[in-house]
Amino acid sequence: MKWSWSQITTLNRIAQEGSATVSELAVAEHVRPQSMASIVSALLDGGLVARRSDPNDGRKTLISITDEGAELLARIPTMRETWLEAAIERHLSPAERETLANAARIMESLADC
């Protein structure tokens, strides 16, 4: 399945900050609660998050990451790198690839400042 940017950022927030309610996630991601409910619903359907009752307030439902969700997040950097390498190879000329490599070296030197 192809996941949207908002779904991945929400999943990452849950992984980094822990379980949260849909309302808390909506505030943190700066979206309407209805929009977050839709995001969470897709994540639930995909098995990336699970619902459970808040042990401190039974009226609330917490959303937490599943093992499958954590595995997806762990795979993203490799998938992104593979995609980028293929895109560069397919769409850039040798001269453009050289320009990109030079720009990357310049950016790395700036990062070391």
N, C-alpha and C. Protein backbone atom coordinates (compact mmCIF):
# COMPACT_ATOMS: atom_id res chain seq x y z
N MET A 1 0.84 -1.18 0.00
CA MET A 1 0.00 0.00 0.00
C MET A 1 0.88 1.24 0.00
N LYS A 2 0.40 2.27 -0.65
CA LYS A 2 1.10 3.55 -0.68
C LYS A 2 0.52 4.44 0.41
N TRP A 3 1.40 4.93 1.26
CA TRP A 3 0.97 5.74 2.40
C TRP A 3 1.20 7.22 2.10
N SER A 4 0.29 8.07 2.56
CA SER A 4 0.42 9.51 2.35
C SER A 4 1.42 10.10 3.34
N TRP A 5 1.88 11.29 3.01
CA TRP A 5 2.81 12.00 3.88
C TRP A 5 2.19 12.21 5.27
N SER A 6 0.93 12.61 5.33
CA SER A 6 0.28 12.86 6.63
C SER A 6 0.15 11.57 7.43
N GLN A 7 -0.08 10.46 6.77
CA GLN A 7 -0.16 9.18 7.49
C GLN A 7 1.20 8.79 8.06
N ILE A 8 2.25 8.97 7.27
CA ILE A 8 3.59 8.61 7.74
C ILE A 8 4.04 9.55 8.86
N THR A 9 3.77 10.84 8.74
CA THR A 9 4.19 11.76 9.81
C THR A 9 3.43 11.49 11.10
N THR A 10 2.16 11.13 10.97
CA THR A 10 1.38 10.78 12.16
C THR A 10 1.91 9.50 12.79
N LEU A 11 2.20 8.51 11.97
CA LEU A 11 2.75 7.26 12.49
C LEU A 11 4.09 7.51 13.17
N ASN A 12 4.91 8.34 12.57
CA ASN A 12 6.21 8.67 13.17
C ASN A 12 6.03 9.40 14.50
N ARG A 13 5.07 10.30 14.56
CA ARG A 13 4.81 11.02 15.83
C ARG A 13 4.43 10.03 16.93
N ILE A 14 3.57 9.08 16.61
CA ILE A 14 3.16 8.08 17.60
C ILE A 14 4.37 7.26 18.03
N ALA A 15 5.21 6.89 17.07
CA ALA A 15 6.41 6.10 17.39
C ALA A 15 7.35 6.89 18.30
N GLN A 16 7.51 8.18 18.03
CA GLN A 16 8.46 9.00 18.77
C GLN A 16 7.92 9.44 20.14
N GLU A 17 6.63 9.79 20.18
CA GLU A 17 6.07 10.40 21.39
C GLU A 17 5.18 9.47 22.21
N GLY A 18 4.85 8.32 21.66
CA GLY A 18 4.02 7.38 22.39
C GLY A 18 2.54 7.51 22.05
N SER A 19 1.76 6.70 22.69
CA SER A 19 0.32 6.65 22.44
C SER A 19 -0.33 8.00 22.67
N ALA A 20 -1.38 8.26 21.87
CA ALA A 20 -2.09 9.54 21.97
C ALA A 20 -3.52 9.34 21.50
N THR A 21 -4.37 10.27 21.87
CA THR A 21 -5.74 10.27 21.38
C THR A 21 -5.76 10.92 19.99
N VAL A 22 -6.84 10.69 19.27
CA VAL A 22 -6.99 11.31 17.96
C VAL A 22 -6.96 12.84 18.10
N SER A 23 -7.60 13.36 19.14
CA SER A 23 -7.60 14.81 19.36
C SER A 23 -6.20 15.35 19.61
N GLU A 24 -5.43 14.64 20.41
CA GLU A 24 -4.05 15.07 20.68
C GLU A 24 -3.21 15.04 19.41
N LEU A 25 -3.41 14.02 18.60
CA LEU A 25 -2.68 13.92 17.34
C LEU A 25 -3.08 15.05 16.39
N ALA A 26 -4.36 15.38 16.36
CA ALA A 26 -4.84 16.47 15.49
C ALA A 26 -4.18 17.79 15.87
N VAL A 27 -4.11 18.07 17.16
CA VAL A 27 -3.47 19.30 17.62
C VAL A 27 -1.98 19.29 17.26
N ALA A 28 -1.32 18.18 17.50
CA ALA A 28 0.12 18.08 17.25
C ALA A 28 0.44 18.22 15.76
N GLU A 29 -0.42 17.70 14.90
CA GLU A 29 -0.19 17.73 13.45
C GLU A 29 -0.87 18.93 12.78
N HIS A 30 -1.55 19.76 13.57
CA HIS A 30 -2.20 20.99 13.06
C HIS A 30 -3.24 20.69 11.99
N VAL A 31 -4.09 19.70 12.28
CA VAL A 31 -5.19 19.37 11.38
C VAL A 31 -6.48 19.29 12.19
N ARG A 32 -7.60 19.31 11.49
CA ARG A 32 -8.89 19.19 12.15
C ARG A 32 -9.04 17.76 12.71
N PRO A 33 -9.77 17.62 13.80
CA PRO A 33 -9.98 16.27 14.36
C PRO A 33 -10.59 15.30 13.35
N GLN A 34 -11.49 15.78 12.49
CA GLN A 34 -12.10 14.91 11.48
C GLN A 34 -11.04 14.40 10.50
N SER A 35 -10.09 15.28 10.13
CA SER A 35 -9.02 14.86 9.23
C SER A 35 -8.12 13.82 9.89
N MET A 36 -7.82 14.05 11.16
CA MET A 36 -6.97 13.09 11.88
C MET A 36 -7.69 11.76 12.05
N ALA A 37 -9.00 11.80 12.27
CA ALA A 37 -9.76 10.55 12.39
C ALA A 37 -9.64 9.74 11.10
N SER A 38 -9.65 10.40 9.96
CA SER A 38 -9.50 9.72 8.68
C SER A 38 -8.09 9.14 8.52
N ILE A 39 -7.08 9.89 8.94
CA ILE A 39 -5.69 9.42 8.89
C ILE A 39 -5.52 8.19 9.76
N VAL A 40 -6.02 8.28 10.99
CA VAL A 40 -5.90 7.17 11.93
C VAL A 40 -6.68 5.95 11.44
N SER A 41 -7.82 6.18 10.84
CA SER A 41 -8.62 5.07 10.31
C SER A 41 -7.83 4.30 9.25
N ALA A 42 -7.15 5.01 8.38
CA ALA A 42 -6.34 4.34 7.35
C ALA A 42 -5.19 3.56 7.99
N LEU A 43 -4.57 4.15 9.01
CA LEU A 43 -3.47 3.46 9.70
C LEU A 43 -3.99 2.21 10.43
N LEU A 44 -5.16 2.31 11.01
CA LEU A 44 -5.78 1.15 11.66
C LEU A 44 -6.08 0.06 10.64
N ASP A 45 -6.68 0.45 9.52
CA ASP A 45 -7.02 -0.52 8.47
C ASP A 45 -5.76 -1.21 7.94
N GLY A 46 -4.65 -0.48 7.91
CA GLY A 46 -3.39 -1.05 7.43
C GLY A 46 -2.62 -1.83 8.47
N GLY A 47 -3.13 -1.87 9.70
CA GLY A 47 -2.47 -2.62 10.76
C GLY A 47 -1.24 -1.93 11.33
N LEU A 48 -1.09 -0.62 11.04
CA LEU A 48 0.10 0.10 11.50
C LEU A 48 -0.06 0.67 12.91
N VAL A 49 -1.32 0.86 13.33
CA VAL A 49 -1.61 1.32 14.68
C VAL A 49 -2.74 0.49 15.25
N ALA A 50 -2.90 0.57 16.56
CA ALA A 50 -3.98 -0.15 17.26
C ALA A 50 -4.63 0.81 18.25
N ARG A 51 -5.87 0.51 18.59
CA ARG A 51 -6.61 1.27 19.60
C ARG A 51 -6.59 0.51 20.91
N ARG A 52 -6.56 1.29 22.00
CA ARG A 52 -6.73 0.68 23.32
C ARG A 52 -7.30 1.74 24.26
N SER A 53 -7.96 1.28 25.29
CA SER A 53 -8.52 2.22 26.26
C SER A 53 -7.41 2.86 27.06
N ASP A 54 -7.58 4.13 27.37
CA ASP A 54 -6.64 4.86 28.21
C ASP A 54 -6.77 4.30 29.63
N PRO A 55 -5.68 3.77 30.21
CA PRO A 55 -5.78 3.20 31.56
C PRO A 55 -6.11 4.24 32.63
N ASN A 56 -5.86 5.51 32.33
CA ASN A 56 -6.13 6.57 33.29
C ASN A 56 -7.50 7.21 33.11
N ASP A 57 -8.12 7.01 31.96
CA ASP A 57 -9.43 7.60 31.67
C ASP A 57 -10.13 6.70 30.67
N GLY A 58 -10.97 5.83 31.14
CA GLY A 58 -11.65 4.85 30.31
C GLY A 58 -12.51 5.45 29.21
N ARG A 59 -12.79 6.75 29.29
CA ARG A 59 -13.59 7.40 28.24
C ARG A 59 -12.74 7.69 27.00
N LYS A 60 -11.44 7.66 27.16
CA LYS A 60 -10.54 8.00 26.05
C LYS A 60 -9.99 6.74 25.40
N THR A 61 -9.70 6.86 24.10
CA THR A 61 -9.07 5.79 23.35
C THR A 61 -7.71 6.27 22.89
N LEU A 62 -6.69 5.47 23.17
CA LEU A 62 -5.33 5.79 22.76
C LEU A 62 -4.98 5.04 21.49
N ILE A 63 -4.23 5.71 20.65
CA ILE A 63 -3.72 5.11 19.41
C ILE A 63 -2.24 4.83 19.63
N SER A 64 -1.82 3.60 19.38
CA SER A 64 -0.41 3.23 19.56
C SER A 64 0.09 2.50 18.32
N ILE A 65 1.38 2.54 18.12
CA ILE A 65 1.99 1.91 16.95
C ILE A 65 2.07 0.40 17.16
N THR A 66 1.91 -0.34 16.09
CA THR A 66 2.06 -1.79 16.13
C THR A 66 3.47 -2.17 15.67
N ASP A 67 3.80 -3.43 15.82
CA ASP A 67 5.09 -3.90 15.31
C ASP A 67 5.20 -3.67 13.80
N GLU A 68 4.10 -3.88 13.10
CA GLU A 68 4.10 -3.67 11.65
C GLU A 68 4.36 -2.20 11.31
N GLY A 69 3.79 -1.29 12.10
CA GLY A 69 4.02 0.13 11.88
C GLY A 69 5.47 0.51 12.13
N ALA A 70 6.05 -0.04 13.19
CA ALA A 70 7.46 0.23 13.49
C ALA A 70 8.37 -0.32 12.40
N GLU A 71 8.01 -1.49 11.87
CA GLU A 71 8.81 -2.09 10.78
C GLU A 71 8.75 -1.22 9.53
N LEU A 72 7.58 -0.68 9.22
CA LEU A 72 7.46 0.20 8.06
C LEU A 72 8.36 1.43 8.24
N LEU A 73 8.30 2.06 9.39
CA LEU A 73 9.14 3.23 9.64
C LEU A 73 10.62 2.90 9.51
N ALA A 74 11.00 1.72 9.95
CA ALA A 74 12.41 1.31 9.87
C ALA A 74 12.85 1.12 8.41
N ARG A 75 11.92 0.73 7.53
CA ARG A 75 12.25 0.48 6.13
C ARG A 75 12.29 1.75 5.28
N ILE A 76 11.69 2.82 5.73
CA ILE A 76 11.55 4.03 4.91
C ILE A 76 12.88 4.59 4.43
N PRO A 77 13.90 4.75 5.28
CA PRO A 77 15.15 5.33 4.76
C PRO A 77 15.75 4.53 3.60
N THR A 78 15.73 3.21 3.69
CA THR A 78 16.27 2.38 2.62
C THR A 78 15.41 2.50 1.36
N MET A 79 14.10 2.51 1.51
CA MET A 79 13.21 2.64 0.36
C MET A 79 13.43 4.00 -0.31
N ARG A 80 13.57 5.06 0.49
CA ARG A 80 13.78 6.40 -0.05
C ARG A 80 15.10 6.47 -0.82
N GLU A 81 16.14 5.89 -0.26
CA GLU A 81 17.45 5.90 -0.91
C GLU A 81 17.42 5.12 -2.22
N THR A 82 16.77 3.97 -2.22
CA THR A 82 16.65 3.16 -3.43
C THR A 82 15.90 3.92 -4.51
N TRP A 83 14.80 4.57 -4.13
CA TRP A 83 14.01 5.35 -5.09
C TRP A 83 14.84 6.48 -5.65
N LEU A 84 15.55 7.22 -4.78
CA LEU A 84 16.33 8.37 -5.24
C LEU A 84 17.44 7.95 -6.19
N GLU A 85 18.15 6.90 -5.86
CA GLU A 85 19.21 6.41 -6.74
C GLU A 85 18.65 6.05 -8.12
N ALA A 86 17.53 5.37 -8.16
CA ALA A 86 16.92 4.98 -9.43
C ALA A 86 16.44 6.21 -10.20
N ALA A 87 15.85 7.18 -9.52
CA ALA A 87 15.37 8.39 -10.19
C ALA A 87 16.52 9.19 -10.78
N ILE A 88 17.60 9.30 -10.03
CA ILE A 88 18.78 10.02 -10.54
C ILE A 88 19.32 9.32 -11.79
N GLU A 89 19.42 8.01 -11.73
CA GLU A 89 19.95 7.24 -12.86
C GLU A 89 19.05 7.37 -14.09
N ARG A 90 17.73 7.32 -13.89
CA ARG A 90 16.79 7.35 -15.01
C ARG A 90 16.62 8.74 -15.62
N HIS A 91 16.63 9.78 -14.79
CA HIS A 91 16.18 11.09 -15.25
C HIS A 91 17.27 12.15 -15.40
N LEU A 92 18.47 11.90 -14.91
CA LEU A 92 19.51 12.91 -15.03
C LEU A 92 20.58 12.46 -16.01
N SER A 93 21.07 13.42 -16.76
CA SER A 93 22.17 13.14 -17.68
C SER A 93 23.45 12.96 -16.87
N PRO A 94 24.49 12.40 -17.48
CA PRO A 94 25.77 12.30 -16.77
C PRO A 94 26.26 13.65 -16.24
N ALA A 95 26.10 14.70 -17.02
CA ALA A 95 26.53 16.04 -16.57
C ALA A 95 25.70 16.50 -15.37
N GLU A 96 24.41 16.24 -15.40
CA GLU A 96 23.54 16.63 -14.27
C GLU A 96 23.89 15.83 -13.02
N ARG A 97 24.20 14.55 -13.20
CA ARG A 97 24.59 13.72 -12.05
C ARG A 97 25.88 14.26 -11.44
N GLU A 98 26.82 14.69 -12.28
CA GLU A 98 28.07 15.26 -11.78
C GLU A 98 27.80 16.57 -11.03
N THR A 99 26.93 17.40 -11.57
CA THR A 99 26.56 18.64 -10.90
C THR A 99 25.93 18.35 -9.55
N LEU A 100 25.05 17.38 -9.50
CA LEU A 100 24.39 16.99 -8.25
C LEU A 100 25.41 16.49 -7.24
N ALA A 101 26.37 15.67 -7.67
CA ALA A 101 27.40 15.16 -6.77
C ALA A 101 28.25 16.30 -6.22
N ASN A 102 28.59 17.27 -7.08
CA ASN A 102 29.35 18.44 -6.61
C ASN A 102 28.55 19.25 -5.60
N ALA A 103 27.28 19.43 -5.87
CA ALA A 103 26.42 20.17 -4.93
C ALA A 103 26.33 19.45 -3.59
N ALA A 104 26.24 18.12 -3.63
CA ALA A 104 26.18 17.35 -2.39
C ALA A 104 27.46 17.52 -1.58
N ARG A 105 28.59 17.52 -2.25
CA ARG A 105 29.87 17.74 -1.54
C ARG A 105 29.91 19.12 -0.90
N ILE A 106 29.40 20.12 -1.62
CA ILE A 106 29.37 21.48 -1.07
C ILE A 106 28.45 21.53 0.15
N MET A 107 27.31 20.90 0.06
CA MET A 107 26.37 20.88 1.21
C MET A 107 26.98 20.17 2.40
N GLU A 108 27.70 19.07 2.17
CA GLU A 108 28.36 18.36 3.26
C GLU A 108 29.41 19.24 3.93
N SER A 109 30.16 20.00 3.13
CA SER A 109 31.17 20.88 3.73
C SER A 109 30.52 21.98 4.54
N LEU A 110 29.38 22.48 4.09
CA LEU A 110 28.66 23.49 4.89
C LEU A 110 28.14 22.89 6.19
N ALA A 111 27.69 21.66 6.13
CA ALA A 111 27.15 21.00 7.33
C ALA A 111 28.25 20.82 8.39
N ASP A 112 29.49 20.72 7.95
CA ASP A 112 30.61 20.53 8.88
C ASP A 112 31.10 21.83 9.49
N CYS A 113 30.55 22.98 9.07
CA CYS A 113 30.98 24.29 9.59
C CYS A 113 30.57 24.50 11.03
